[in-house]
Each structure stands twice: as structure tokens, then as C-alpha cells.
Amino acid sequence: MRVLCVHFTTEDLSRVRFAPRPAPLQELHAALTTAVAPGRDPLFGRWRGRVLRALPATAGPLADLVPAGRPPAFLDVLADTLDESFELIRTACPETVRAELERVYGAGVPPRWVRGLHAGEEASWRVVRRAQRAAYEAVLAPVWPLVRDLHREEFARHALTVAEHGLGAALTALAPGSVFDGSVWRWPAPPDATTLTSQGSRGSWERPTGGPVGGRAVRLGGRGLVLVPTFHHPAGPLLQDLPARPVVLTYPAGSGHPPAPLAPDGPDGSDGSDGSDGSDGSDDPLTPVLGRTRAELLRLLAEPRSTTELARALRVSSATASGHATGLRTAGLIRTVRAGRSVRHERTALGDLVVGPQPAPRLTPHPTPRPTPPPRPTP
């Protein structure tokens, strides 16, 4: 069995952190790795075909950078936005860029533009930026709001587990079947797991070597560990272990299904405002913070509900209910998932924490009063 063993020092235990936001290029690289890998998972089969068909020609140069499936390490950066990611890549040490390109090509002959990248030509760097931008727009842009929602939920779940059960329980919860004894985190890796390992001053994507338990070891050595969930790479961990930098472990999260763009089940366009300032005389502590309608909507989501069900229970239009759901989703209190041809909303771990252990209201529409008939004329 292939086992990933992450060795902690006492100093590392205080340097474990969870990325607060998804990293666009990290998620893009995970998605492209999944898209080009031989696929046996039928859940990703149709997604893989759709992604490969959607990639425009301007994204083609990215394939030139992975001639053997092992991209140069200078492309692997953690940043909150695409522009920040591009800046980090562009400011990579020229010696590192040249060394990495020589590693991935070996004795092969790279395309002309890659040779320009090796020489530091600005035109070649623009090619990289256009290719990554094009790939992001085709692969991630349609689902990025959902990725952000999923990341917020994962962040809240991890924080609650650490607070209630400690770091060890939180680590093993990220990787079912793993064991943490206080100094070593042992994670049985799938056969097709991929890691980014350090080789002196170089990094490379490679499969873990086979062998007994402990055959693949990563020693943090006081550098710390950054945990990043990915929702596009179900096969196993992606590990970035580069000298003098925190080790970054990207782990599979979510349901295991590829994220798909949401199709709203009702017209939208509402700004989410219900015209209430929360001063309705209620003693509900959520009302002054969220507003009456959003507080009631959050409580209704003790069980997943569709937009139509929420609108009926709240006695508002579908557009208004959708607008309120958008506001709560942006705050990380609910998430929205596809359910057939409609979407369903459910509370996140953070939403459950905000609502607290209170009984959920019954989802029954308010009765509509029967109109009073006009008075009969007096004869």
C-alpha cells in the first residue's frame, strides 16, 4: 500500500493553517490534472469531455509546459486572485524558471515560445498569462461562485472540528482512513495519487513510490503545513514540498462530484432587500443582524429546501427568496446545490452554529384569508 507520511515537529503543530479562500490557479491546476488523466470514474467522464471541448486554442500553450505530465514548480502558487497569482509567477527567480524548464524537458526540444520563456522574454510570459486566463475562463469561471461556497463550508467545518476535538481529529477528518499520532500523519494514498515533491532546489509532479508503510515521507521541519481543499481532483492528495517554504497539501473535498454551474429555478434580479431594518419587535437575536426575512429563511433551512418552497413559506416571490439566499450564501451561512433541474439550499456548518440548537419552524405556507363577500343590497 502507498502511504503518505507527514512528519511534524512541535513547532509545526502551531504552524498548521487552513487556506481561508480558494486559490484560483491551485484549483485550476487540480482541474486540468483531472481532465487530462486517464479517467475511470464515470462521475467525471462527462465533465472531462466537456472541459476538454471547452478549452480554447489560447489555452494550448499550457500543454507545452507539461510534456511528461510534470509541470514546472514555478507555476504552482497560492494567491487569492488570478492577478496576484500571475504576479507571483512572473516574479519567480529566473534561475528557478530556467532550471525547472530544463527539468521538465530534459533532452527534448521545447517549442520556440518555451525557449523564449527560458531566456526571460516578456512575450513568452504574456503567452503563459493568456493561456492560464483562457483556461480559467473555460473551466473554473462558470463554477467559481460554487467553489467559493464549498470552500467556506469546508473552512467552517474544519474550524469547528479543531475547536471541539483538536487538531488530530481535524486532520484525520480530512482524509478518511488516515491516522495521526501527534507527530506523524499517515495517509493511505490511492494508487493514482499525485504529489509535488522537492528534489534539492527543484520540485516535480510525480506519483508516490510504492512500498511499505512510510515509503513516502514528508518532513515539515518547522516550515508548517497549509491545507487547501480542492473540488476538482478526487483521486488523492496534491503535495507541494519545496525548500524553505511551507508544505502545501491540497486534499479532495466536497461530495466527489465535479462542480457544475447552478441553474436558478426561478427568476432572479432581486437585490435581496426586504425593506426591513429588523425593528419588528421580535426578540429573535438574528433579526437585527440579518433582517426578519433572512433570519426566518435561515431557520427554515434546518432541512434542504428549494427556492420555490422558501418563497411559498416566506410569502415572497421566487426572485426575492433567491435574492435573500444569495445574501446568506455570500456570508457563508448557506450553500446551494443542484437537484435535478432545480437548486436546493441548505445551511452550512457556520449557519448551523449561528442559528443554534433551536427547533426549526414548520414549513407550511401562511393561510391566505378568504375574501369577505360584499354586503347584499337591502330590498
Protein backbone atom coordinates (compact mmCIF):
# COMPACT_ATOMS: atom_id res chain seq x y z
CA MET A 1 0.00 0.00 0.00
CA ARG A 2 1.20 3.50 -0.80
CA VAL A 3 1.14 5.67 2.31
CA LEU A 4 1.84 9.36 2.61
CA CYS A 5 3.58 10.10 5.93
CA VAL A 6 3.78 13.73 7.03
CA HIS A 7 6.21 14.21 9.94
CA PHE A 8 5.53 17.09 12.37
CA THR A 9 7.83 18.77 14.85
CA THR A 10 6.49 20.53 17.93
CA GLU A 11 6.93 23.81 16.07
CA ASP A 12 4.92 22.52 13.09
CA LEU A 13 1.89 21.79 15.29
CA SER A 14 1.49 25.52 15.84
CA ARG A 15 2.00 26.27 12.13
CA VAL A 16 -0.83 24.25 10.62
CA ARG A 17 -3.27 26.56 8.89
CA PHE A 18 -6.23 26.26 6.57
CA ALA A 19 -6.32 28.46 3.47
CA PRO A 20 -9.12 30.97 4.17
CA ARG A 21 -10.05 31.30 0.48
CA PRO A 22 -9.69 29.09 -2.59
CA ALA A 23 -6.65 29.74 -4.79
CA PRO A 24 -7.72 30.10 -8.45
CA LEU A 25 -4.56 28.70 -10.04
CA GLN A 26 -4.25 25.89 -7.48
CA GLU A 27 -7.83 24.81 -8.27
CA LEU A 28 -7.25 25.25 -12.00
CA HIS A 29 -4.17 23.03 -11.95
CA ALA A 30 -6.11 20.39 -9.98
CA ALA A 31 -8.93 20.53 -12.54
CA LEU A 32 -6.58 20.28 -15.53
CA THR A 33 -4.72 17.38 -13.86
CA THR A 34 -8.03 15.55 -13.53
CA ALA A 35 -9.13 16.46 -17.06
CA VAL A 36 -6.06 15.00 -18.78
CA ALA A 37 -5.59 11.98 -16.51
CA PRO A 38 -6.91 8.62 -17.71
CA GLY A 39 -10.42 8.53 -16.31
CA ARG A 40 -12.06 5.51 -14.75
CA ASP A 41 -14.53 7.47 -12.65
CA PRO A 42 -17.81 7.70 -14.59
CA LEU A 43 -18.86 10.71 -12.47
CA PHE A 44 -16.06 12.71 -14.07
CA GLY A 45 -16.33 11.20 -17.55
CA ARG A 46 -18.85 13.65 -18.97
CA TRP A 47 -17.25 16.54 -17.07
CA ARG A 48 -13.84 15.65 -18.50
CA GLY A 49 -15.17 15.61 -22.06
CA ARG A 50 -16.99 18.90 -21.58
CA VAL A 51 -13.88 20.58 -20.14
CA LEU A 52 -11.58 19.39 -22.90
CA ARG A 53 -14.04 20.56 -25.55
CA ALA A 54 -14.41 23.95 -23.87
CA LEU A 55 -10.69 24.71 -23.67
CA PRO A 56 -9.88 27.31 -26.36
CA ALA A 57 -6.79 27.26 -28.55
CA THR A 58 -5.28 30.09 -26.50
CA ALA A 59 -5.02 27.66 -23.55
CA GLY A 60 -2.97 25.23 -25.66
CA PRO A 61 0.48 26.51 -24.54
CA LEU A 62 -0.21 25.12 -21.04
CA ALA A 63 0.20 21.64 -22.52
CA ASP A 64 3.67 22.65 -23.75
CA LEU A 65 4.69 23.19 -20.12
CA VAL A 66 3.82 19.64 -19.09
CA PRO A 67 5.45 17.48 -21.78
CA ALA A 68 5.60 14.49 -19.43
CA GLY A 69 2.76 15.38 -17.09
CA ARG A 70 5.13 17.17 -14.70
CA PRO A 71 4.71 20.97 -14.80
CA PRO A 72 7.42 23.35 -13.64
CA ALA A 73 7.15 24.21 -9.95
CA PHE A 74 7.18 27.98 -10.52
CA LEU A 75 3.60 27.71 -11.86
CA ASP A 76 2.32 26.39 -8.53
CA VAL A 77 1.46 29.43 -6.41
CA LEU A 78 -1.09 30.23 -3.71
CA ALA A 79 -2.91 33.53 -4.11
CA ASP A 80 -6.47 34.76 -3.68
CA THR A 81 -6.91 36.17 -7.20
CA LEU A 82 -5.71 35.46 -10.71
CA ASP A 83 -3.82 38.75 -10.94
CA GLU A 84 -1.95 38.05 -7.70
CA SER A 85 -1.14 34.56 -8.97
CA PHE A 86 0.23 35.96 -12.25
CA GLU A 87 2.42 38.40 -10.36
CA LEU A 88 3.86 35.65 -8.18
CA ILE A 89 4.64 33.53 -11.23
CA ARG A 90 6.18 36.43 -13.10
CA THR A 91 8.44 37.35 -10.20
CA ALA A 92 9.82 33.82 -9.88
CA CYS A 93 13.60 33.65 -9.67
CA PRO A 94 15.00 33.49 -13.26
CA GLU A 95 17.41 30.72 -12.23
CA THR A 96 14.48 28.68 -10.89
CA VAL A 97 12.50 29.21 -14.09
CA ARG A 98 15.39 28.04 -16.25
CA ALA A 99 16.15 25.05 -14.01
CA GLU A 100 12.52 23.93 -13.98
CA LEU A 101 12.12 24.21 -17.75
CA GLU A 102 15.32 22.20 -18.23
CA ARG A 103 13.98 19.58 -15.82
CA VAL A 104 10.59 19.11 -17.48
CA TYR A 105 12.08 18.92 -20.98
CA GLY A 106 15.31 17.10 -20.24
CA ALA A 107 16.95 16.31 -23.55
CA GLY A 108 13.80 17.17 -25.53
CA VAL A 109 13.44 20.20 -27.78
CA PRO A 110 10.89 22.72 -26.41
CA PRO A 111 8.74 24.93 -28.64
CA ARG A 112 10.06 28.32 -29.64
CA TRP A 113 7.95 30.23 -27.11
CA VAL A 114 9.15 28.00 -24.24
CA ARG A 115 12.74 28.71 -25.26
CA GLY A 116 11.78 32.38 -25.05
CA LEU A 117 10.47 31.78 -21.53
CA HIS A 118 13.81 30.18 -20.66
CA ALA A 119 15.52 33.32 -21.96
CA GLY A 120 13.20 35.59 -19.96
CA GLU A 121 11.41 37.12 -22.96
CA GLU A 122 8.36 39.18 -21.95
CA ALA A 123 6.36 37.98 -24.98
CA SER A 124 6.61 34.39 -23.72
CA TRP A 125 5.40 35.41 -20.27
CA ARG A 126 2.39 37.02 -21.91
CA VAL A 127 1.69 33.68 -23.62
CA VAL A 128 1.60 31.98 -20.20
CA ARG A 129 -0.73 34.61 -18.78
CA ARG A 130 -3.15 34.45 -21.75
CA ALA A 131 -3.19 30.64 -21.61
CA GLN A 132 -3.93 30.50 -17.90
CA ARG A 133 -6.60 33.17 -18.18
CA ALA A 134 -8.27 31.35 -21.07
CA ALA A 135 -8.21 28.03 -19.20
CA TYR A 136 -9.66 29.63 -16.08
CA GLU A 137 -12.50 31.28 -18.01
CA ALA A 138 -13.38 27.99 -19.71
CA VAL A 139 -13.00 25.61 -16.76
CA LEU A 140 -13.47 27.50 -13.49
CA ALA A 141 -15.23 30.80 -14.11
CA PRO A 142 -18.68 29.16 -14.60
CA VAL A 143 -18.42 27.36 -11.23
CA TRP A 144 -16.22 29.73 -9.22
CA PRO A 145 -19.10 31.07 -7.04
CA LEU A 146 -19.92 27.48 -6.13
CA VAL A 147 -16.23 26.71 -5.41
CA ARG A 148 -16.14 29.69 -3.04
CA ASP A 149 -19.28 28.44 -1.28
CA LEU A 150 -17.86 24.94 -0.93
CA HIS A 151 -14.56 26.31 0.38
CA ARG A 152 -16.33 28.44 3.02
CA GLU A 153 -18.26 25.40 4.19
CA GLU A 154 -15.10 23.30 4.35
CA PHE A 155 -13.29 26.08 6.23
CA ALA A 156 -16.10 26.33 8.80
CA ARG A 157 -16.27 22.56 9.22
CA HIS A 158 -12.51 22.34 9.79
CA ALA A 159 -12.53 25.24 12.29
CA LEU A 160 -15.37 23.69 14.28
CA THR A 161 -13.63 20.30 14.38
CA VAL A 162 -10.39 21.86 15.61
CA ALA A 163 -12.23 23.87 18.25
CA GLU A 164 -14.29 20.93 19.51
CA HIS A 165 -11.99 17.92 19.05
CA GLY A 166 -8.49 19.23 18.40
CA LEU A 167 -6.03 19.26 15.51
CA GLY A 168 -5.59 15.50 15.32
CA ALA A 169 -9.29 14.88 14.79
CA ALA A 170 -9.42 17.65 12.19
CA LEU A 171 -6.54 16.16 10.20
CA THR A 172 -7.95 12.65 10.17
CA ALA A 173 -11.37 14.04 9.20
CA LEU A 174 -9.81 15.50 6.05
CA ALA A 175 -8.52 12.08 4.98
CA PRO A 176 -10.79 9.17 5.98
CA GLY A 177 -8.64 6.19 6.92
CA SER A 178 -5.69 8.32 7.98
CA VAL A 179 -4.09 8.22 11.43
CA PHE A 180 -2.36 10.98 13.39
CA ASP A 181 -0.32 10.02 16.47
CA GLY A 182 0.80 13.52 17.41
CA SER A 183 3.95 13.54 15.33
CA VAL A 184 3.20 11.60 12.11
CA TRP A 185 0.11 11.84 9.92
CA ARG A 186 -0.20 8.60 7.94
CA TRP A 187 -2.49 8.85 4.95
CA PRO A 188 -3.12 5.78 2.74
CA ALA A 189 -2.99 7.26 -0.77
CA PRO A 190 -4.91 5.93 -3.79
CA PRO A 191 -2.76 4.28 -6.49
CA ASP A 192 -3.22 7.25 -8.83
CA ALA A 193 -2.45 9.92 -6.23
CA THR A 194 -0.08 12.66 -7.35
CA THR A 195 2.43 14.63 -5.32
CA LEU A 196 4.63 17.61 -5.89
CA THR A 197 7.91 16.80 -4.18
CA SER A 198 11.17 18.59 -3.58
CA GLN A 199 14.40 17.47 -5.18
CA GLY A 200 17.14 19.67 -3.81
CA SER A 201 16.18 23.10 -5.11
CA ARG A 202 13.73 21.69 -7.63
CA GLY A 203 10.16 20.49 -7.49
CA SER A 204 8.34 17.98 -9.65
CA TRP A 205 4.97 16.34 -10.04
CA GLU A 206 5.29 12.61 -9.61
CA ARG A 207 3.41 9.59 -8.38
CA PRO A 208 4.26 8.34 -4.89
CA THR A 209 6.67 5.44 -4.93
CA GLY A 210 5.25 2.08 -3.99
CA GLY A 211 6.37 0.21 -0.94
CA PRO A 212 5.53 -0.43 2.68
CA VAL A 213 4.02 2.00 5.16
CA GLY A 214 6.17 5.11 5.39
CA GLY A 215 7.54 4.68 1.87
CA ARG A 216 6.64 8.29 1.00
CA ALA A 217 7.72 10.66 3.76
CA VAL A 218 7.45 14.43 4.01
CA ARG A 219 9.28 16.13 6.87
CA LEU A 220 7.93 19.57 7.68
CA GLY A 221 10.97 20.53 9.74
CA GLY A 222 9.36 23.62 11.26
CA ARG A 223 8.09 25.01 7.95
CA GLY A 224 4.46 24.36 8.80
CA LEU A 225 1.60 22.96 6.74
CA VAL A 226 -1.05 24.73 4.66
CA LEU A 227 -4.26 22.77 3.96
CA VAL A 228 -6.16 23.58 0.78
CA PRO A 229 -9.34 21.75 -0.29
CA THR A 230 -9.90 21.04 -3.97
CA PHE A 231 -13.22 20.14 -5.53
CA HIS A 232 -11.82 19.05 -8.92
CA HIS A 233 -9.30 16.34 -8.02
CA PRO A 234 -10.94 13.31 -6.37
CA ALA A 235 -8.04 10.87 -6.87
CA GLY A 236 -5.89 11.85 -3.89
CA PRO A 237 -3.64 14.48 -2.34
CA LEU A 238 -1.59 17.01 -4.26
CA LEU A 239 1.51 17.89 -2.29
CA GLN A 240 3.83 20.84 -2.79
CA ASP A 241 7.07 20.31 -0.86
CA LEU A 242 9.60 22.94 -1.86
CA PRO A 243 12.66 24.10 0.10
CA ALA A 244 12.31 26.96 2.58
CA ARG A 245 8.55 27.17 2.03
CA PRO A 246 5.57 25.83 3.99
CA VAL A 247 4.40 22.48 2.69
CA VAL A 248 1.06 22.81 0.89
CA LEU A 249 -1.27 19.82 0.91
CA THR A 250 -4.27 20.03 -1.41
CA TYR A 251 -6.80 17.37 -0.47
CA PRO A 252 -10.02 16.17 -2.14
CA ALA A 253 -13.14 17.71 -0.60
CA GLY A 254 -16.82 18.02 -1.35
CA SER A 255 -19.19 15.32 -2.50
CA GLY A 256 -16.81 13.76 -5.03
CA HIS A 257 -18.94 15.04 -7.90
CA PRO A 258 -17.50 17.68 -10.22
CA PRO A 259 -18.96 21.14 -9.54
CA ALA A 260 -21.47 22.22 -12.18
CA PRO A 261 -22.85 25.71 -12.90
CA LEU A 262 -26.02 26.44 -11.00
CA ALA A 263 -29.24 26.94 -12.95
CA PRO A 264 -31.64 29.01 -10.84
CA ASP A 265 -35.13 27.58 -10.57
CA GLY A 266 -36.77 30.95 -10.65
CA PRO A 267 -36.19 34.46 -11.99
CA ASP A 268 -33.60 36.48 -10.14
CA GLY A 269 -32.60 40.08 -10.16
CA SER A 270 -33.65 40.97 -6.66
CA ASP A 271 -31.15 42.94 -4.63
CA GLY A 272 -32.06 40.86 -1.59
CA SER A 273 -33.53 43.73 0.34
CA ASP A 274 -36.80 43.15 2.15
CA GLY A 275 -37.23 46.73 3.28
CA SER A 276 -36.89 45.65 6.90
CA ASP A 277 -34.41 47.11 9.33
CA GLY A 278 -35.09 44.32 11.78
CA SER A 279 -37.05 46.51 14.18
CA ASP A 280 -40.22 44.41 14.16
CA GLY A 281 -40.46 43.99 17.89
CA SER A 282 -39.16 40.41 17.74
CA ASP A 283 -36.81 39.11 20.45
CA ASP A 284 -35.05 36.91 17.87
CA PRO A 285 -31.35 37.84 18.15
CA LEU A 286 -30.78 37.11 14.46
CA THR A 287 -33.37 39.60 13.23
CA PRO A 288 -31.41 42.80 14.00
CA VAL A 289 -28.37 41.31 12.27
CA LEU A 290 -29.85 39.57 9.22
CA GLY A 291 -33.26 41.20 8.87
CA ARG A 292 -36.57 39.46 9.55
CA THR A 293 -36.90 37.60 6.25
CA ARG A 294 -33.33 36.33 6.06
CA ALA A 295 -33.40 35.20 9.69
CA GLU A 296 -36.60 33.26 9.01
CA LEU A 297 -35.14 31.81 5.81
CA LEU A 298 -32.03 30.62 7.66
CA ARG A 299 -34.18 28.90 10.26
CA LEU A 300 -36.29 27.26 7.58
CA LEU A 301 -33.17 25.59 6.23
CA ALA A 302 -32.96 23.08 9.06
CA GLU A 303 -33.64 20.80 6.09
CA PRO A 304 -32.69 21.48 2.45
CA ARG A 305 -35.34 23.49 0.60
CA SER A 306 -35.82 24.70 -2.95
CA THR A 307 -36.25 28.35 -3.81
CA THR A 308 -39.91 27.73 -4.58
CA GLU A 309 -40.51 26.12 -1.17
CA LEU A 310 -38.78 29.01 0.59
CA ALA A 311 -40.76 31.60 -1.38
CA ARG A 312 -44.04 29.87 -0.52
CA ALA A 313 -43.20 29.63 3.19
CA LEU A 314 -41.99 33.23 3.38
CA ARG A 315 -44.88 34.57 1.25
CA VAL A 316 -42.49 36.32 -1.13
CA SER A 317 -41.70 35.96 -4.82
CA SER A 318 -39.16 33.42 -6.04
CA ALA A 319 -36.91 36.30 -7.11
CA THR A 320 -36.97 37.78 -3.60
CA ALA A 321 -36.29 34.40 -1.98
CA SER A 322 -33.43 33.83 -4.39
CA GLY A 323 -32.00 37.25 -3.56
CA HIS A 324 -32.08 36.55 0.17
CA ALA A 325 -30.48 33.15 -0.39
CA THR A 326 -27.71 34.84 -2.37
CA GLY A 327 -27.00 37.18 0.55
CA LEU A 328 -26.82 34.33 3.05
CA ARG A 329 -24.68 32.27 0.68
CA THR A 330 -22.23 35.15 0.25
CA ALA A 331 -21.90 35.31 4.05
CA GLY A 332 -21.09 31.58 4.15
CA LEU A 333 -24.26 30.69 6.09
CA ILE A 334 -25.87 28.52 3.39
CA ARG A 335 -24.82 26.65 0.28
CA THR A 336 -26.77 25.95 -2.90
CA VAL A 337 -26.57 22.66 -4.79
CA ARG A 338 -28.16 21.32 -7.93
CA ALA A 339 -31.09 18.92 -7.53
CA GLY A 340 -32.20 17.77 -10.96
CA ARG A 341 -33.48 20.76 -12.90
CA SER A 342 -33.78 22.95 -9.81
CA VAL A 343 -31.48 24.01 -6.98
CA ARG A 344 -31.76 23.37 -3.26
CA HIS A 345 -30.42 25.44 -0.41
CA GLU A 346 -29.05 24.08 2.85
CA ARG A 347 -27.30 25.51 5.88
CA THR A 348 -23.55 25.26 6.23
CA ALA A 349 -21.80 24.32 9.46
CA LEU A 350 -21.39 28.03 10.13
CA GLY A 351 -25.10 28.58 9.50
CA ASP A 352 -25.98 25.83 11.98
CA LEU A 353 -23.68 27.46 14.53
CA VAL A 354 -25.32 30.88 14.01
CA VAL A 355 -28.86 29.52 14.35
CA GLY A 356 -28.02 27.44 17.40
CA PRO A 357 -29.94 24.48 18.85
CA GLN A 358 -33.42 25.87 18.28
CA PRO A 359 -36.39 23.98 16.85
CA ALA A 360 -36.87 24.55 13.15
CA PRO A 361 -40.11 26.19 12.07
CA ARG A 362 -42.64 24.10 10.23
CA LEU A 363 -42.53 24.64 6.50
CA THR A 364 -46.19 25.43 5.96
CA PRO A 365 -47.43 28.37 3.93
CA HIS A 366 -49.35 31.02 5.79
CA PRO A 367 -53.09 30.58 5.14
CA THR A 368 -54.47 33.05 2.67
CA PRO A 369 -57.55 34.78 4.17
CA ARG A 370 -60.75 34.19 2.25
CA PRO A 371 -62.12 37.38 0.73
CA THR A 372 -65.12 38.88 2.51
CA PRO A 373 -68.16 38.86 0.21
CA PRO A 374 -69.74 42.25 -0.44
CA PRO A 375 -72.87 43.07 1.54
CA ARG A 376 -76.17 42.20 -0.01
CA PRO A 377 -78.25 45.15 -1.18
CA THR A 378 -81.25 45.92 1.01
CA PRO A 379 -84.53 45.39 -0.85
